[in-house]
Amino acid sequence: MIKETFEAAILTEFAAKSQIDIYVQILQSDGGNMCACINAATLALIDAGIPLRDYVSSCSAGFVEDTPLVDINYLEQGASGPDLSVAILPRSEKVVLFYVSGFCIMHEATS
């Protein structure tokens, strides 16, 4: 998923005969790993001088006991609600990653 996310952001035409490898290593995990890796890789690409259309910004969200939360941690991610990860290119407002895991039980409306 990280590869596809950055294919939309990296200006590959400026380095046509080059290869850009992105490696991430998680040293400590407290949830939101994919989003943290995407944000860290964005900063690494900017620091390396890789030309980008826009920087990639990523965040996770979820529900815990019918309460919406942003930037969920490991315990919140393990709750029974859905987990959503989104990555965008802010200037163009383009969504480059939209990943949902888990399930959501729809409650019947009562009259």
PDB file of N, CA and C in Angstrom:
ATOM      1  N   MET A   1       0.808  -1.192   0.000  1.00  0.00           N
ATOM      2  CA  MET A   1       0.000   0.000   0.000  1.00  0.00           C
ATOM      3  C   MET A   1       0.856   1.263   0.000  1.00  0.00           C
ATOM      4  N   ILE A   2       1.991   1.208   0.659  1.00  0.00           N
ATOM      5  CA  ILE A   2       2.847   2.388   0.715  1.00  0.00           C
ATOM      6  C   ILE A   2       3.380   2.718  -0.678  1.00  0.00           C
ATOM      7  N   LYS A   3       3.716   1.694  -1.451  1.00  0.00           N
ATOM      8  CA  LYS A   3       4.227   1.917  -2.808  1.00  0.00           C
ATOM      9  C   LYS A   3       3.208   2.675  -3.647  1.00  0.00           C
ATOM     10  N   GLU A   4       1.963   2.215  -3.650  1.00  0.00           N
ATOM     11  CA  GLU A   4       0.924   2.862  -4.441  1.00  0.00           C
ATOM     12  C   GLU A   4       0.652   4.280  -3.956  1.00  0.00           C
ATOM     13  N   THR A   5       0.777   4.491  -2.666  1.00  0.00           N
ATOM     14  CA  THR A   5       0.554   5.824  -2.100  1.00  0.00           C
ATOM     15  C   THR A   5       1.573   6.819  -2.643  1.00  0.00           C
ATOM     16  N   PHE A   6       2.838   6.410  -2.702  1.00  0.00           N
ATOM     17  CA  PHE A   6       3.880   7.339  -3.137  1.00  0.00           C
ATOM     18  C   PHE A   6       4.019   7.430  -4.652  1.00  0.00           C
ATOM     19  N   GLU A   7       3.488   6.476  -5.381  1.00  0.00           N
ATOM     20  CA  GLU A   7       3.506   6.585  -6.842  1.00  0.00           C
ATOM     21  C   GLU A   7       2.734   7.814  -7.307  1.00  0.00           C
ATOM     22  N   ALA A   8       1.740   8.225  -6.541  1.00  0.00           N
ATOM     23  CA  ALA A   8       0.958   9.410  -6.888  1.00  0.00           C
ATOM     24  C   ALA A   8       1.673  10.711  -6.520  1.00  0.00           C
ATOM     25  N   ALA A   9       2.667  10.633  -5.659  1.00  0.00           N
ATOM     26  CA  ALA A   9       3.310  11.847  -5.160  1.00  0.00           C
ATOM     27  C   ALA A   9       4.689  12.125  -5.753  1.00  0.00           C
ATOM     28  N   ILE A  10       5.444  11.097  -6.076  1.00  0.00           N
ATOM     29  CA  ILE A  10       6.822  11.279  -6.550  1.00  0.00           C
ATOM     30  C   ILE A  10       6.827  11.649  -8.029  1.00  0.00           C
ATOM     31  N   LEU A  11       7.581  12.666  -8.376  1.00  0.00           N
ATOM     32  CA  LEU A  11       7.735  13.095  -9.774  1.00  0.00           C
ATOM     33  C   LEU A  11       8.803  12.225 -10.429  1.00  0.00           C
ATOM     34  N   THR A  12       8.397  11.078 -10.933  1.00  0.00           N
ATOM     35  CA  THR A  12       9.351  10.117 -11.485  1.00  0.00           C
ATOM     36  C   THR A  12       9.975  10.582 -12.799  1.00  0.00           C
ATOM     37  N   GLU A  13       9.344  11.497 -13.493  1.00  0.00           N
ATOM     38  CA  GLU A  13       9.898  11.955 -14.771  1.00  0.00           C
ATOM     39  C   GLU A  13      11.223  12.702 -14.610  1.00  0.00           C
ATOM     40  N   PHE A  14      11.516  13.193 -13.409  1.00  0.00           N
ATOM     41  CA  PHE A  14      12.786  13.886 -13.185  1.00  0.00           C
ATOM     42  C   PHE A  14      13.929  12.921 -12.858  1.00  0.00           C
ATOM     43  N   ALA A  15      13.580  11.674 -12.609  1.00  0.00           N
ATOM     44  CA  ALA A  15      14.587  10.656 -12.323  1.00  0.00           C
ATOM     45  C   ALA A  15      14.216   9.388 -13.080  1.00  0.00           C
ATOM     46  N   ALA A  16      14.118   9.512 -14.397  1.00  0.00           N
ATOM     47  CA  ALA A  16      13.595   8.428 -15.233  1.00  0.00           C
ATOM     48  C   ALA A  16      14.421   7.150 -15.142  1.00  0.00           C
ATOM     49  N   LYS A  17      15.727   7.256 -15.001  1.00  0.00           N
ATOM     50  CA  LYS A  17      16.587   6.066 -14.966  1.00  0.00           C
ATOM     51  C   LYS A  17      17.060   5.754 -13.549  1.00  0.00           C
ATOM     52  N   SER A  18      16.337   6.240 -12.579  1.00  0.00           N
ATOM     53  CA  SER A  18      16.695   6.010 -11.182  1.00  0.00           C
ATOM     54  C   SER A  18      15.678   5.096 -10.511  1.00  0.00           C
ATOM     55  N   GLN A  19      16.076   4.551  -9.405  1.00  0.00           N
ATOM     56  CA  GLN A  19      15.181   3.729  -8.601  1.00  0.00           C
ATOM     57  C   GLN A  19      15.125   4.333  -7.208  1.00  0.00           C
ATOM     58  N   ILE A  20      13.926   4.527  -6.706  1.00  0.00           N
ATOM     59  CA  ILE A  20      13.742   5.066  -5.363  1.00  0.00           C
ATOM     60  C   ILE A  20      13.166   3.942  -4.504  1.00  0.00           C
ATOM     61  N   ASP A  21      13.905   3.548  -3.492  1.00  0.00           N
ATOM     62  CA  ASP A  21      13.454   2.504  -2.572  1.00  0.00           C
ATOM     63  C   ASP A  21      13.077   3.147  -1.250  1.00  0.00           C
ATOM     64  N   ILE A  22      11.937   2.748  -0.733  1.00  0.00           N
ATOM     65  CA  ILE A  22      11.480   3.227   0.573  1.00  0.00           C
ATOM     66  C   ILE A  22      11.426   2.028   1.504  1.00  0.00           C
ATOM     67  N   TYR A  23      12.231   2.058   2.548  1.00  0.00           N
ATOM     68  CA  TYR A  23      12.231   1.013   3.565  1.00  0.00           C
ATOM     69  C   TYR A  23      11.835   1.643   4.885  1.00  0.00           C
ATOM     70  N   VAL A  24      10.918   1.015   5.576  1.00  0.00           N
ATOM     71  CA  VAL A  24      10.526   1.496   6.900  1.00  0.00           C
ATOM     72  C   VAL A  24      10.720   0.357   7.899  1.00  0.00           C
ATOM     73  N   GLN A  25      11.170   0.717   9.079  1.00  0.00           N
ATOM     74  CA  GLN A  25      11.354  -0.254  10.146  1.00  0.00           C
ATOM     75  C   GLN A  25      10.647   0.290  11.375  1.00  0.00           C
ATOM     76  N   ILE A  26       9.737  -0.498  11.905  1.00  0.00           N
ATOM     77  CA  ILE A  26       8.969  -0.084  13.079  1.00  0.00           C
ATOM     78  C   ILE A  26       9.716  -0.559  14.323  1.00  0.00           C
ATOM     79  N   LEU A  27      10.205   0.395  15.103  1.00  0.00           N
ATOM     80  CA  LEU A  27      10.972   0.056  16.302  1.00  0.00           C
ATOM     81  C   LEU A  27      10.069  -0.149  17.510  1.00  0.00           C
ATOM     82  N   GLN A  28       8.971   0.590  17.553  1.00  0.00           N
ATOM     83  CA  GLN A  28       8.021   0.462  18.654  1.00  0.00           C
ATOM     84  C   GLN A  28       6.635   0.717  18.090  1.00  0.00           C
ATOM     85  N   SER A  29       5.699  -0.133  18.412  1.00  0.00           N
ATOM     86  CA  SER A  29       4.365  -0.045  17.829  1.00  0.00           C
ATOM     87  C   SER A  29       3.328   0.320  18.883  1.00  0.00           C
ATOM     88  N   ASP A  30       2.545   1.350  18.580  1.00  0.00           N
ATOM     89  CA  ASP A  30       1.416   1.711  19.436  1.00  0.00           C
ATOM     90  C   ASP A  30       0.207   2.040  18.575  1.00  0.00           C
ATOM     91  N   GLY A  31       0.060   1.339  17.461  1.00  0.00           N
ATOM     92  CA  GLY A  31      -1.079   1.571  16.581  1.00  0.00           C
ATOM     93  C   GLY A  31      -0.771   2.640  15.548  1.00  0.00           C
ATOM     94  N   GLY A  32      -1.570   2.672  14.496  1.00  0.00           N
ATOM     95  CA  GLY A  32      -1.382   3.659  13.439  1.00  0.00           C
ATOM     96  C   GLY A  32      -0.069   3.498  12.699  1.00  0.00           C
ATOM     97  N   ASN A  33       0.426   2.266  12.594  1.00  0.00           N
ATOM     98  CA  ASN A  33       1.745   2.027  12.005  1.00  0.00           C
ATOM     99  C   ASN A  33       1.835   2.482  10.558  1.00  0.00           C
ATOM    100  N   MET A  34       0.847   2.128   9.755  1.00  0.00           N
ATOM    101  CA  MET A  34       0.911   2.482   8.339  1.00  0.00           C
ATOM    102  C   MET A  34       0.931   4.002   8.157  1.00  0.00           C
ATOM    103  N   CYS A  35       0.093   4.698   8.894  1.00  0.00           N
ATOM    104  CA  CYS A  35       0.056   6.158   8.773  1.00  0.00           C
ATOM    105  C   CYS A  35       1.365   6.787   9.245  1.00  0.00           C
ATOM    106  N   ALA A  36       1.917   6.272  10.323  1.00  0.00           N
ATOM    107  CA  ALA A  36       3.193   6.787  10.819  1.00  0.00           C
ATOM    108  C   ALA A  36       4.313   6.530   9.812  1.00  0.00           C
ATOM    109  N   CYS A  37       4.301   5.358   9.185  1.00  0.00           N
ATOM    110  CA  CYS A  37       5.314   5.038   8.172  1.00  0.00           C
ATOM    111  C   CYS A  37       5.190   5.942   6.953  1.00  0.00           C
ATOM    112  N   ILE A  38       3.978   6.219   6.527  1.00  0.00           N
ATOM    113  CA  ILE A  38       3.765   7.108   5.381  1.00  0.00           C
ATOM    114  C   ILE A  38       4.259   8.510   5.693  1.00  0.00           C
ATOM    115  N   ASN A  39       3.931   9.026   6.882  1.00  0.00           N
ATOM    116  CA  ASN A  39       4.389  10.366   7.260  1.00  0.00           C
ATOM    117  C   ASN A  39       5.908  10.429   7.393  1.00  0.00           C
ATOM    118  N   ALA A  40       6.514   9.376   7.962  1.00  0.00           N
ATOM    119  CA  ALA A  40       7.977   9.339   8.092  1.00  0.00           C
ATOM    120  C   ALA A  40       8.647   9.242   6.726  1.00  0.00           C
ATOM    121  N   ALA A  41       8.086   8.431   5.827  1.00  0.00           N
ATOM    122  CA  ALA A  41       8.659   8.309   4.484  1.00  0.00           C
ATOM    123  C   ALA A  41       8.551   9.626   3.718  1.00  0.00           C
ATOM    124  N   THR A  42       7.466  10.347   3.907  1.00  0.00           N
ATOM    125  CA  THR A  42       7.318  11.662   3.274  1.00  0.00           C
ATOM    126  C   THR A  42       8.431  12.597   3.718  1.00  0.00           C
ATOM    127  N   LEU A  43       8.680  12.641   5.015  1.00  0.00           N
ATOM    128  CA  LEU A  43       9.746  13.506   5.534  1.00  0.00           C
ATOM    129  C   LEU A  43      11.118  13.067   5.030  1.00  0.00           C
ATOM    130  N   ALA A  44      11.342  11.759   4.922  1.00  0.00           N
ATOM    131  CA  ALA A  44      12.619  11.258   4.418  1.00  0.00           C
ATOM    132  C   ALA A  44      12.815  11.636   2.951  1.00  0.00           C
ATOM    133  N   LEU A  45      11.758  11.526   2.136  1.00  0.00           N
ATOM    134  CA  LEU A  45      11.855  11.909   0.723  1.00  0.00           C
ATOM    135  C   LEU A  45      12.126  13.397   0.567  1.00  0.00           C
ATOM    136  N   ILE A  46      11.465  14.217   1.375  1.00  0.00           N
ATOM    137  CA  ILE A  46      11.707  15.660   1.333  1.00  0.00           C
ATOM    138  C   ILE A  46      13.148  15.959   1.728  1.00  0.00           C
ATOM    139  N   ASP A  47      13.628  15.304   2.800  1.00  0.00           N
ATOM    140  CA  ASP A  47      15.001  15.516   3.270  1.00  0.00           C
ATOM    141  C   ASP A  47      16.024  15.061   2.232  1.00  0.00           C
ATOM    142  N   ALA A  48      15.710  14.011   1.469  1.00  0.00           N
ATOM    143  CA  ALA A  48      16.625  13.495   0.442  1.00  0.00           C
ATOM    144  C   ALA A  48      16.586  14.321  -0.843  1.00  0.00           C
ATOM    145  N   GLY A  49      15.663  15.273  -0.930  1.00  0.00           N
ATOM    146  CA  GLY A  49      15.582  16.112  -2.125  1.00  0.00           C
ATOM    147  C   GLY A  49      14.863  15.461  -3.291  1.00  0.00           C
ATOM    148  N   ILE A  50      14.072  14.437  -3.035  1.00  0.00           N
ATOM    149  CA  ILE A  50      13.302  13.773  -4.092  1.00  0.00           C
ATOM    150  C   ILE A  50      12.155  14.708  -4.507  1.00  0.00           C
ATOM    151  N   PRO A  51      12.030  15.011  -5.802  1.00  0.00           N
ATOM    152  CA  PRO A  51      10.957  15.921  -6.227  1.00  0.00           C
ATOM    153  C   PRO A  51       9.567  15.278  -6.070  1.00  0.00           C
ATOM    154  N   LEU A  52       8.681  16.003  -5.402  1.00  0.00           N
ATOM    155  CA  LEU A  52       7.326  15.527  -5.140  1.00  0.00           C
ATOM    156  C   LEU A  52       6.298  16.484  -5.723  1.00  0.00           C
ATOM    157  N   ARG A  53       5.174  15.940  -6.189  1.00  0.00           N
ATOM    158  CA  ARG A  53       4.046  16.774  -6.605  1.00  0.00           C
ATOM    159  C   ARG A  53       3.492  17.524  -5.394  1.00  0.00           C
ATOM    160  N   ASP A  54       3.438  16.815  -4.296  1.00  0.00           N
ATOM    161  CA  ASP A  54       2.925  17.337  -3.038  1.00  0.00           C
ATOM    162  C   ASP A  54       3.386  16.378  -1.951  1.00  0.00           C
ATOM    163  N   TYR A  55       3.436  16.820  -0.731  1.00  0.00           N
ATOM    164  CA  TYR A  55       3.784  15.905   0.342  1.00  0.00           C
ATOM    165  C   TYR A  55       2.549  15.069   0.691  1.00  0.00           C
ATOM    166  N   VAL A  56       2.783  13.878   1.205  1.00  0.00           N
ATOM    167  CA  VAL A  56       1.702  12.978   1.577  1.00  0.00           C
ATOM    168  C   VAL A  56       1.468  13.106   3.075  1.00  0.00           C
ATOM    169  N   SER A  57       0.226  13.290   3.451  1.00  0.00           N
ATOM    170  CA  SER A  57      -0.151  13.392   4.858  1.00  0.00           C
ATOM    171  C   SER A  57      -1.147  12.282   5.165  1.00  0.00           C
ATOM    172  N   SER A  58      -0.909  11.536   6.243  1.00  0.00           N
ATOM    173  CA  SER A  58      -1.738  10.380   6.543  1.00  0.00           C
ATOM    174  C   SER A  58      -2.184  10.387   8.003  1.00  0.00           C
ATOM    175  N   CYS A  59      -3.376   9.840   8.235  1.00  0.00           N
ATOM    176  CA  CYS A  59      -3.929   9.769   9.587  1.00  0.00           C
ATOM    177  C   CYS A  59      -4.898   8.596   9.667  1.00  0.00           C
ATOM    178  N   SER A  60      -5.065   8.073  10.862  1.00  0.00           N
ATOM    179  CA  SER A  60      -6.017   6.985  11.078  1.00  0.00           C
ATOM    180  C   SER A  60      -7.179   7.495  11.925  1.00  0.00           C
ATOM    181  N   ALA A  61      -8.298   6.788  11.824  1.00  0.00           N
ATOM    182  CA  ALA A  61      -9.484   7.119  12.616  1.00  0.00           C
ATOM    183  C   ALA A  61     -10.235   5.829  12.893  1.00  0.00           C
ATOM    184  N   GLY A  62     -11.077   5.876  13.901  1.00  0.00           N
ATOM    185  CA  GLY A  62     -11.860   4.697  14.238  1.00  0.00           C
ATOM    186  C   GLY A  62     -12.959   5.021  15.219  1.00  0.00           C
ATOM    187  N   PHE A  63     -13.732   4.013  15.550  1.00  0.00           N
ATOM    188  CA  PHE A  63     -14.808   4.135  16.533  1.00  0.00           C
ATOM    189  C   PHE A  63     -14.517   3.206  17.702  1.00  0.00           C
ATOM    190  N   VAL A  64     -14.670   3.720  18.912  1.00  0.00           N
ATOM    191  CA  VAL A  64     -14.588   2.909  20.118  1.00  0.00           C
ATOM    192  C   VAL A  64     -15.832   3.226  20.935  1.00  0.00           C
ATOM    193  N   GLU A  65     -16.668   2.220  21.104  1.00  0.00           N
ATOM    194  CA  GLU A  65     -17.926   2.378  21.849  1.00  0.00           C
ATOM    195  C   GLU A  65     -18.726   3.573  21.326  1.00  0.00           C
ATOM    196  N   ASP A  66     -18.929   3.625  20.029  1.00  0.00           N
ATOM    197  CA  ASP A  66     -19.709   4.674  19.354  1.00  0.00           C
ATOM    198  C   ASP A  66     -19.095   6.064  19.458  1.00  0.00           C
ATOM    199  N   THR A  67     -17.825   6.152  19.844  1.00  0.00           N
ATOM    200  CA  THR A  67     -17.132   7.439  19.923  1.00  0.00           C
ATOM    201  C   THR A  67     -16.095   7.501  18.816  1.00  0.00           C
ATOM    202  N   PRO A  68     -16.185   8.494  17.911  1.00  0.00           N
ATOM    203  CA  PRO A  68     -15.170   8.613  16.853  1.00  0.00           C
ATOM    204  C   PRO A  68     -13.855   9.146  17.417  1.00  0.00           C
ATOM    205  N   LEU A  69     -12.749   8.538  16.995  1.00  0.00           N
ATOM    206  CA  LEU A  69     -11.415   8.933  17.448  1.00  0.00           C
ATOM    207  C   LEU A  69     -10.485   9.103  16.257  1.00  0.00           C
ATOM    208  N   VAL A  70      -9.555  10.038  16.366  1.00  0.00           N
ATOM    209  CA  VAL A  70      -8.558  10.273  15.337  1.00  0.00           C
ATOM    210  C   VAL A  70      -7.194   9.880  15.898  1.00  0.00           C
ATOM    211  N   ASP A  71      -6.310   9.360  15.040  1.00  0.00           N
ATOM    212  CA  ASP A  71      -4.971   8.922  15.420  1.00  0.00           C
ATOM    213  C   ASP A  71      -5.052   7.871  16.524  1.00  0.00           C
ATOM    214  N   ILE A  72      -5.708   6.772  16.198  1.00  0.00           N
ATOM    215  CA  ILE A  72      -5.979   5.745  17.202  1.00  0.00           C
ATOM    216  C   ILE A  72      -4.718   4.948  17.555  1.00  0.00           C
ATOM    217  N   ASN A  73      -4.668   4.515  18.816  1.00  0.00           N
ATOM    218  CA  ASN A  73      -3.520   3.727  19.269  1.00  0.00           C
ATOM    219  C   ASN A  73      -3.836   2.238  19.173  1.00  0.00           C
ATOM    220  N   TYR A  74      -2.924   1.407  19.664  1.00  0.00           N
ATOM    221  CA  TYR A  74      -3.049  -0.044  19.519  1.00  0.00           C
ATOM    222  C   TYR A  74      -4.309  -0.583  20.207  1.00  0.00           C
ATOM    223  N   LEU A  75      -4.586  -0.128  21.418  1.00  0.00           N
ATOM    224  CA  LEU A  75      -5.766  -0.608  22.140  1.00  0.00           C
ATOM    225  C   LEU A  75      -7.051  -0.176  21.448  1.00  0.00           C
ATOM    226  N   GLU A  76      -7.091   1.062  20.983  1.00  0.00           N
ATOM    227  CA  GLU A  76      -8.274   1.556  20.278  1.00  0.00           C
ATOM    228  C   GLU A  76      -8.440   0.849  18.929  1.00  0.00           C
ATOM    229  N   GLN A  77      -7.323   0.532  18.293  1.00  0.00           N
ATOM    230  CA  GLN A  77      -7.348  -0.169  17.015  1.00  0.00           C
ATOM    231  C   GLN A  77      -7.863  -1.598  17.190  1.00  0.00           C
ATOM    232  N   GLY A  78      -7.613  -2.206  18.341  1.00  0.00           N
ATOM    233  CA  GLY A  78      -8.057  -3.560  18.611  1.00  0.00           C
ATOM    234  C   GLY A  78      -9.495  -3.655  19.078  1.00  0.00           C
ATOM    235  N   ALA A  79     -10.149  -2.520  19.304  1.00  0.00           N
ATOM    236  CA  ALA A  79     -11.554  -2.529  19.706  1.00  0.00           C
ATOM    237  C   ALA A  79     -12.395  -3.058  18.549  1.00  0.00           C
ATOM    238  N   SER A  80     -13.643  -3.307  18.810  1.00  0.00           N
ATOM    239  CA  SER A  80     -14.487  -3.971  17.817  1.00  0.00           C
ATOM    240  C   SER A  80     -14.947  -3.075  16.667  1.00  0.00           C
ATOM    241  N   GLY A  81     -14.636  -1.810  16.684  1.00  0.00           N
ATOM    242  CA  GLY A  81     -15.094  -0.907  15.628  1.00  0.00           C
ATOM    243  C   GLY A  81     -14.190  -0.901  14.412  1.00  0.00           C
ATOM    244  N   PRO A  82     -14.610  -0.205  13.372  1.00  0.00           N
ATOM    245  CA  PRO A  82     -13.798  -0.130  12.146  1.00  0.00           C
ATOM    246  C   PRO A  82     -12.584   0.778  12.330  1.00  0.00           C
ATOM    247  N   ASP A  83     -11.584   0.547  11.515  1.00  0.00           N
ATOM    248  CA  ASP A  83     -10.341   1.320  11.526  1.00  0.00           C
ATOM    249  C   ASP A  83     -10.140   1.862  10.113  1.00  0.00           C
ATOM    250  N   LEU A  84      -9.972   3.156  10.001  1.00  0.00           N
ATOM    251  CA  LEU A  84      -9.834   3.818   8.701  1.00  0.00           C
ATOM    252  C   LEU A  84      -8.477   4.502   8.627  1.00  0.00           C
ATOM    253  N   SER A  85      -7.755   4.268   7.540  1.00  0.00           N
ATOM    254  CA  SER A  85      -6.494   4.965   7.279  1.00  0.00           C
ATOM    255  C   SER A  85      -6.649   5.739   5.979  1.00  0.00           C
ATOM    256  N   VAL A  86      -6.282   7.015   6.013  1.00  0.00           N
ATOM    257  CA  VAL A  86      -6.411   7.888   4.855  1.00  0.00           C
ATOM    258  C   VAL A  86      -5.097   8.617   4.641  1.00  0.00           C
ATOM    259  N   ALA A  87      -4.685   8.740   3.384  1.00  0.00           N
ATOM    260  CA  ALA A  87      -3.524   9.557   3.021  1.00  0.00           C
ATOM    261  C   ALA A  87      -3.955  10.471   1.883  1.00  0.00           C
ATOM    262  N   ILE A  88      -3.567  11.732   1.974  1.00  0.00           N
ATOM    263  CA  ILE A  88      -3.965  12.708   0.961  1.00  0.00           C
ATOM    264  C   ILE A  88      -2.772  13.518   0.488  1.00  0.00           C
ATOM    265  N   LEU A  89      -2.945  14.126  -0.684  1.00  0.00           N
ATOM    266  CA  LEU A  89      -2.035  15.164  -1.165  1.00  0.00           C
ATOM    267  C   LEU A  89      -2.760  16.478  -0.888  1.00  0.00           C
ATOM    268  N   PRO A  90      -2.351  17.235   0.110  1.00  0.00           N
ATOM    269  CA  PRO A  90      -3.130  18.379   0.578  1.00  0.00           C
ATOM    270  C   PRO A  90      -3.414  19.464  -0.462  1.00  0.00           C
ATOM    271  N   ARG A  91      -2.434  19.843  -1.263  1.00  0.00           N
ATOM    272  CA  ARG A  91      -2.667  20.938  -2.221  1.00  0.00           C
ATOM    273  C   ARG A  91      -3.707  20.581  -3.274  1.00  0.00           C
ATOM    274  N   SER A  92      -3.635  19.379  -3.788  1.00  0.00           N
ATOM    275  CA  SER A  92      -4.581  18.967  -4.823  1.00  0.00           C
ATOM    276  C   SER A  92      -5.842  18.329  -4.237  1.00  0.00           C
ATOM    277  N   GLU A  93      -5.844  18.111  -2.927  1.00  0.00           N
ATOM    278  CA  GLU A  93      -6.958  17.468  -2.225  1.00  0.00           C
ATOM    279  C   GLU A  93      -7.271  16.090  -2.811  1.00  0.00           C
ATOM    280  N   LYS A  94      -6.239  15.401  -3.277  1.00  0.00           N
ATOM    281  CA  LYS A  94      -6.385  14.070  -3.856  1.00  0.00           C
ATOM    282  C   LYS A  94      -6.163  13.017  -2.773  1.00  0.00           C
ATOM    283  N   VAL A  95      -7.076  12.058  -2.682  1.00  0.00           N
ATOM    284  CA  VAL A  95      -6.939  10.949  -1.747  1.00  0.00           C
ATOM    285  C   VAL A  95      -6.111   9.864  -2.434  1.00  0.00           C
ATOM    286  N   VAL A  96      -4.976   9.507  -1.841  1.00  0.00           N
ATOM    287  CA  VAL A  96      -4.095   8.502  -2.439  1.00  0.00           C
ATOM    288  C   VAL A  96      -4.128   7.177  -1.686  1.00  0.00           C
ATOM    289  N   LEU A  97      -4.739   7.154  -0.512  1.00  0.00           N
ATOM    290  CA  LEU A  97      -4.926   5.917   0.235  1.00  0.00           C
ATOM    291  C   LEU A  97      -6.218   6.027   1.024  1.00  0.00           C
ATOM    292  N   PHE A  98      -7.041   5.004   0.917  1.00  0.00           N
ATOM    293  CA  PHE A  98      -8.277   4.913   1.692  1.00  0.00           C
ATOM    294  C   PHE A  98      -8.441   3.447   2.046  1.00  0.00           C
ATOM    295  N   TYR A  99      -8.121   3.085   3.282  1.00  0.00           N
ATOM    296  CA  TYR A  99      -8.112   1.688   3.697  1.00  0.00           C
ATOM    297  C   TYR A  99      -8.972   1.529   4.943  1.00  0.00           C
ATOM    298  N   VAL A 100      -9.929   0.618   4.883  1.00  0.00           N
ATOM    299  CA  VAL A 100     -10.813   0.349   6.015  1.00  0.00           C
ATOM    300  C   VAL A 100     -10.655  -1.111   6.416  1.00  0.00           C
ATOM    301  N   SER A 101     -10.462  -1.351   7.706  1.00  0.00           N
ATOM    302  CA  SER A 101     -10.438  -2.717   8.221  1.00  0.00           C
ATOM    303  C   SER A 101     -11.443  -2.812   9.366  1.00  0.00           C
ATOM    304  N   GLY A 102     -11.887  -3.997   9.620  1.00  0.00           N
ATOM    305  CA  GLY A 102     -12.885  -4.187  10.665  1.00  0.00           C
ATOM    306  C   GLY A 102     -14.279  -4.100  10.089  1.00  0.00           C
ATOM    307  N   PHE A 103     -15.236  -4.028  10.964  1.00  0.00           N
ATOM    308  CA  PHE A 103     -16.627  -3.968  10.525  1.00  0.00           C
ATOM    309  C   PHE A 103     -17.398  -3.037  11.440  1.00  0.00           C
ATOM    310  N   CYS A 104     -18.523  -2.626  10.961  1.00  0.00           N
ATOM    311  CA  CYS A 104     -19.389  -1.716  11.711  1.00  0.00           C
ATOM    312  C   CYS A 104     -20.792  -2.304  11.723  1.00  0.00           C
ATOM    313  N   ILE A 105     -21.377  -2.452  12.894  1.00  0.00           N
ATOM    314  CA  ILE A 105     -22.727  -2.979  13.007  1.00  0.00           C
ATOM    315  C   ILE A 105     -23.705  -1.812  12.909  1.00  0.00           C
ATOM    316  N   MET A 106     -24.589  -1.911  11.951  1.00  0.00           N
ATOM    317  CA  MET A 106     -25.592  -0.873  11.763  1.00  0.00           C
ATOM    318  C   MET A 106     -26.768  -1.153  12.695  1.00  0.00           C
ATOM    319  N   HIS A 107     -27.109  -0.184  13.513  1.00  0.00           N
ATOM    320  CA  HIS A 107     -28.243  -0.326  14.429  1.00  0.00           C
ATOM    321  C   HIS A 107     -29.530   0.017  13.697  1.00  0.00           C
ATOM    322  N   GLU A 108     -30.560  -0.740  13.975  1.00  0.00           N
ATOM    323  CA  GLU A 108     -31.851  -0.457  13.362  1.00  0.00           C
ATOM    324  C   GLU A 108     -32.442   0.784  14.007  1.00  0.00           C
ATOM    325  N   ALA A 109     -32.995   1.637  13.165  1.00  0.00           N
ATOM    326  CA  ALA A 109     -33.647   2.852  13.670  1.00  0.00           C
ATOM    327  C   ALA A 109     -34.982   2.475  14.295  1.00  0.00           C
ATOM    328  N   THR A 110     -35.231   3.014  15.440  1.00  0.00           N
ATOM    329  CA  THR A 110     -36.508   2.745  16.091  1.00  0.00           C
ATOM    330  C   THR A 110     -37.381   3.979  15.982  1.00  0.00           C
ATOM    331  N   SER A 111     -38.662   3.753  15.848  1.00  0.00           N
ATOM    332  CA  SER A 111     -39.574   4.900  15.717  1.00  0.00           C
ATOM    333  C   SER A 111     -40.298   5.179  17.000  1.00  0.00           C
TER     334      SER A 111
END
